[in-house]
């Protein structure tokens, strides 16, 4: 949101020591609207993550899961600094 991106994604993947390097089982991309709050985005990705987890567990149980390498370069954003929060607010973004 702080980078004005227009979409966000979630995935179920295998664990690997490198960030965003495990093989993907399921994923979903959702649009981000300019006026969305951080809280609404968090709710959206939490609900979609739960759906993907249930789907992935079911596929694993039934032996029908397929894996693929991640596409492109992964990205990781750590916990925001105070300056990052200030910048977020200056951009007109909302937490709630």
C-alpha atoms as a PDB file:
ATOM      1  CA  UNK A   1       0.000   0.000   0.000  1.00  0.00           C
ATOM      2  CA  UNK A   2       2.811   2.388   0.826  1.00  0.00           C
ATOM      3  CA  UNK A   3       4.217   1.820  -2.670  1.00  0.00           C
ATOM      4  CA  UNK A   4       0.840   2.463  -4.344  1.00  0.00           C
ATOM      5  CA  UNK A   5       0.688  -1.067  -5.691  1.00  0.00           C
ATOM      6  CA  UNK A   6      -2.670  -2.055  -7.175  1.00  0.00           C
ATOM      7  CA  UNK A   7      -2.725  -5.699  -6.134  1.00  0.00           C
ATOM      8  CA  UNK A   8      -1.697  -7.990  -3.313  1.00  0.00           C
ATOM      9  CA  UNK A   9      -1.186 -11.728  -3.206  1.00  0.00           C
ATOM     10  CA  UNK A  10      -1.147 -14.609  -0.778  1.00  0.00           C
ATOM     11  CA  UNK A  11       0.171 -18.133  -1.226  1.00  0.00           C
ATOM     12  CA  UNK A  12       0.465 -21.534   0.401  1.00  0.00           C
ATOM     13  CA  UNK A  13       3.970 -22.857  -0.128  1.00  0.00           C
ATOM     14  CA  UNK A  14       6.600 -25.231   1.166  1.00  0.00           C
ATOM     15  CA  UNK A  15       9.086 -23.827   3.651  1.00  0.00           C
ATOM     16  CA  UNK A  16      12.620 -23.068   2.526  1.00  0.00           C
ATOM     17  CA  UNK A  17      15.413 -21.222   4.363  1.00  0.00           C
ATOM     18  CA  UNK A  18      15.368 -18.533   1.637  1.00  0.00           C
ATOM     19  CA  UNK A  19      12.465 -16.081   1.780  1.00  0.00           C
ATOM     20  CA  UNK A  20       9.886 -16.626  -0.986  1.00  0.00           C
ATOM     21  CA  UNK A  21      11.795 -19.612  -2.349  1.00  0.00           C
ATOM     22  CA  UNK A  22       9.599 -22.573  -1.376  1.00  0.00           C
ATOM     23  CA  UNK A  23       7.449 -24.258  -3.990  1.00  0.00           C
ATOM     24  CA  UNK A  24       3.934 -22.834  -4.358  1.00  0.00           C
ATOM     25  CA  UNK A  25       0.912 -25.082  -3.863  1.00  0.00           C
ATOM     26  CA  UNK A  26      -1.836 -22.464  -4.240  1.00  0.00           C
ATOM     27  CA  UNK A  27      -1.973 -18.702  -4.577  1.00  0.00           C
ATOM     28  CA  UNK A  28      -4.371 -15.839  -5.155  1.00  0.00           C
ATOM     29  CA  UNK A  29      -4.018 -12.241  -6.292  1.00  0.00           C
ATOM     30  CA  UNK A  30      -6.503  -9.614  -5.160  1.00  0.00           C
ATOM     31  CA  UNK A  31      -6.938  -5.993  -6.258  1.00  0.00           C
ATOM     32  CA  UNK A  32      -6.082  -3.128  -3.928  1.00  0.00           C
ATOM     33  CA  UNK A  33      -8.324  -0.080  -4.052  1.00  0.00           C
ATOM     34  CA  UNK A  34      -6.775   3.351  -3.419  1.00  0.00           C
ATOM     35  CA  UNK A  35      -9.156   4.115  -0.531  1.00  0.00           C
ATOM     36  CA  UNK A  36      -8.757   0.804   1.329  1.00  0.00           C
ATOM     37  CA  UNK A  37      -7.526   0.852   4.890  1.00  0.00           C
ATOM     38  CA  UNK A  38      -4.749  -1.403   6.140  1.00  0.00           C
ATOM     39  CA  UNK A  39      -7.324  -3.083   8.370  1.00  0.00           C
ATOM     40  CA  UNK A  40      -9.584  -3.967   5.414  1.00  0.00           C
ATOM     41  CA  UNK A  41      -6.628  -5.312   3.409  1.00  0.00           C
ATOM     42  CA  UNK A  42      -5.470  -7.394   6.375  1.00  0.00           C
ATOM     43  CA  UNK A  43      -8.981  -8.859   6.748  1.00  0.00           C
ATOM     44  CA  UNK A  44      -9.123  -9.647   3.013  1.00  0.00           C
ATOM     45  CA  UNK A  45      -5.761 -11.429   2.925  1.00  0.00           C
ATOM     46  CA  UNK A  46      -6.445 -13.286   6.197  1.00  0.00           C
ATOM     47  CA  UNK A  47      -9.709 -14.684   4.847  1.00  0.00           C
ATOM     48  CA  UNK A  48      -8.120 -15.662   1.507  1.00  0.00           C
ATOM     49  CA  UNK A  49      -5.155 -17.248   3.330  1.00  0.00           C
ATOM     50  CA  UNK A  50      -7.546 -19.409   5.362  1.00  0.00           C
ATOM     51  CA  UNK A  51      -9.257 -20.550   2.148  1.00  0.00           C
ATOM     52  CA  UNK A  52      -5.905 -21.432   0.577  1.00  0.00           C
ATOM     53  CA  UNK A  53      -4.798 -23.304   3.688  1.00  0.00           C
ATOM     54  CA  UNK A  54      -7.967 -25.424   3.729  1.00  0.00           C
ATOM     55  CA  UNK A  55      -7.637 -26.086  -0.013  1.00  0.00           C
ATOM     56  CA  UNK A  56      -3.960 -27.034   0.317  1.00  0.00           C
ATOM     57  CA  UNK A  57      -4.549 -29.370   3.266  1.00  0.00           C
ATOM     58  CA  UNK A  58      -7.367 -31.069   1.356  1.00  0.00           C
ATOM     59  CA  UNK A  59      -5.124 -31.501  -1.704  1.00  0.00           C
ATOM     60  CA  UNK A  60      -2.330 -32.917   0.453  1.00  0.00           C
ATOM     61  CA  UNK A  61      -4.746 -35.341   2.156  1.00  0.00           C
ATOM     62  CA  UNK A  62      -6.044 -36.507  -1.233  1.00  0.00           C
ATOM     63  CA  UNK A  63      -2.602 -36.709  -2.847  1.00  0.00           C
ATOM     64  CA  UNK A  64      -3.516 -34.273  -5.605  1.00  0.00           C
ATOM     65  CA  UNK A  65      -1.412 -31.247  -4.711  1.00  0.00           C
ATOM     66  CA  UNK A  66       0.783 -29.788  -7.438  1.00  0.00           C
ATOM     67  CA  UNK A  67       3.840 -27.652  -6.836  1.00  0.00           C
ATOM     68  CA  UNK A  68       5.445 -24.947  -8.909  1.00  0.00           C
ATOM     69  CA  UNK A  69       8.467 -22.730  -8.527  1.00  0.00           C
ATOM     70  CA  UNK A  70       7.683 -19.156  -7.482  1.00  0.00           C
ATOM     71  CA  UNK A  71       7.354 -16.699 -10.348  1.00  0.00           C
ATOM     72  CA  UNK A  72       9.761 -13.766 -10.439  1.00  0.00           C
ATOM     73  CA  UNK A  73      11.575 -12.335  -7.478  1.00  0.00           C
ATOM     74  CA  UNK A  74       9.952 -12.468  -4.085  1.00  0.00           C
ATOM     75  CA  UNK A  75       9.679  -9.431  -1.873  1.00  0.00           C
ATOM     76  CA  UNK A  76       9.756  -9.099   1.863  1.00  0.00           C
ATOM     77  CA  UNK A  77       8.874  -6.079   3.940  1.00  0.00           C
ATOM     78  CA  UNK A  78       9.779  -6.234   7.610  1.00  0.00           C
ATOM     79  CA  UNK A  79       8.008  -4.430  10.396  1.00  0.00           C
ATOM     80  CA  UNK A  80       7.672  -0.738   9.524  1.00  0.00           C
ATOM     81  CA  UNK A  81       9.864   1.843  11.151  1.00  0.00           C
ATOM     82  CA  UNK A  82       8.392   5.021  12.604  1.00  0.00           C
ATOM     83  CA  UNK A  83       9.509   6.882   9.503  1.00  0.00           C
ATOM     84  CA  UNK A  84       7.755   4.312   7.292  1.00  0.00           C
ATOM     85  CA  UNK A  85       4.525   4.847   9.265  1.00  0.00           C
ATOM     86  CA  UNK A  86       4.858   8.618   8.875  1.00  0.00           C
ATOM     87  CA  UNK A  87       5.427   8.228   5.132  1.00  0.00           C
ATOM     88  CA  UNK A  88       2.381   5.926   4.889  1.00  0.00           C
ATOM     89  CA  UNK A  89       0.198   8.551   6.553  1.00  0.00           C
ATOM     90  CA  UNK A  90       1.658  11.395   4.454  1.00  0.00           C
ATOM     91  CA  UNK A  91       0.586   9.451   1.375  1.00  0.00           C
ATOM     92  CA  UNK A  92      -2.989   9.591   2.680  1.00  0.00           C
ATOM     93  CA  UNK A  93      -3.112   5.910   3.577  1.00  0.00           C
ATOM     94  CA  UNK A  94      -5.161   4.725   6.531  1.00  0.00           C
ATOM     95  CA  UNK A  95      -4.700   1.997   9.092  1.00  0.00           C
ATOM     96  CA  UNK A  96      -8.402   1.864  10.047  1.00  0.00           C
END
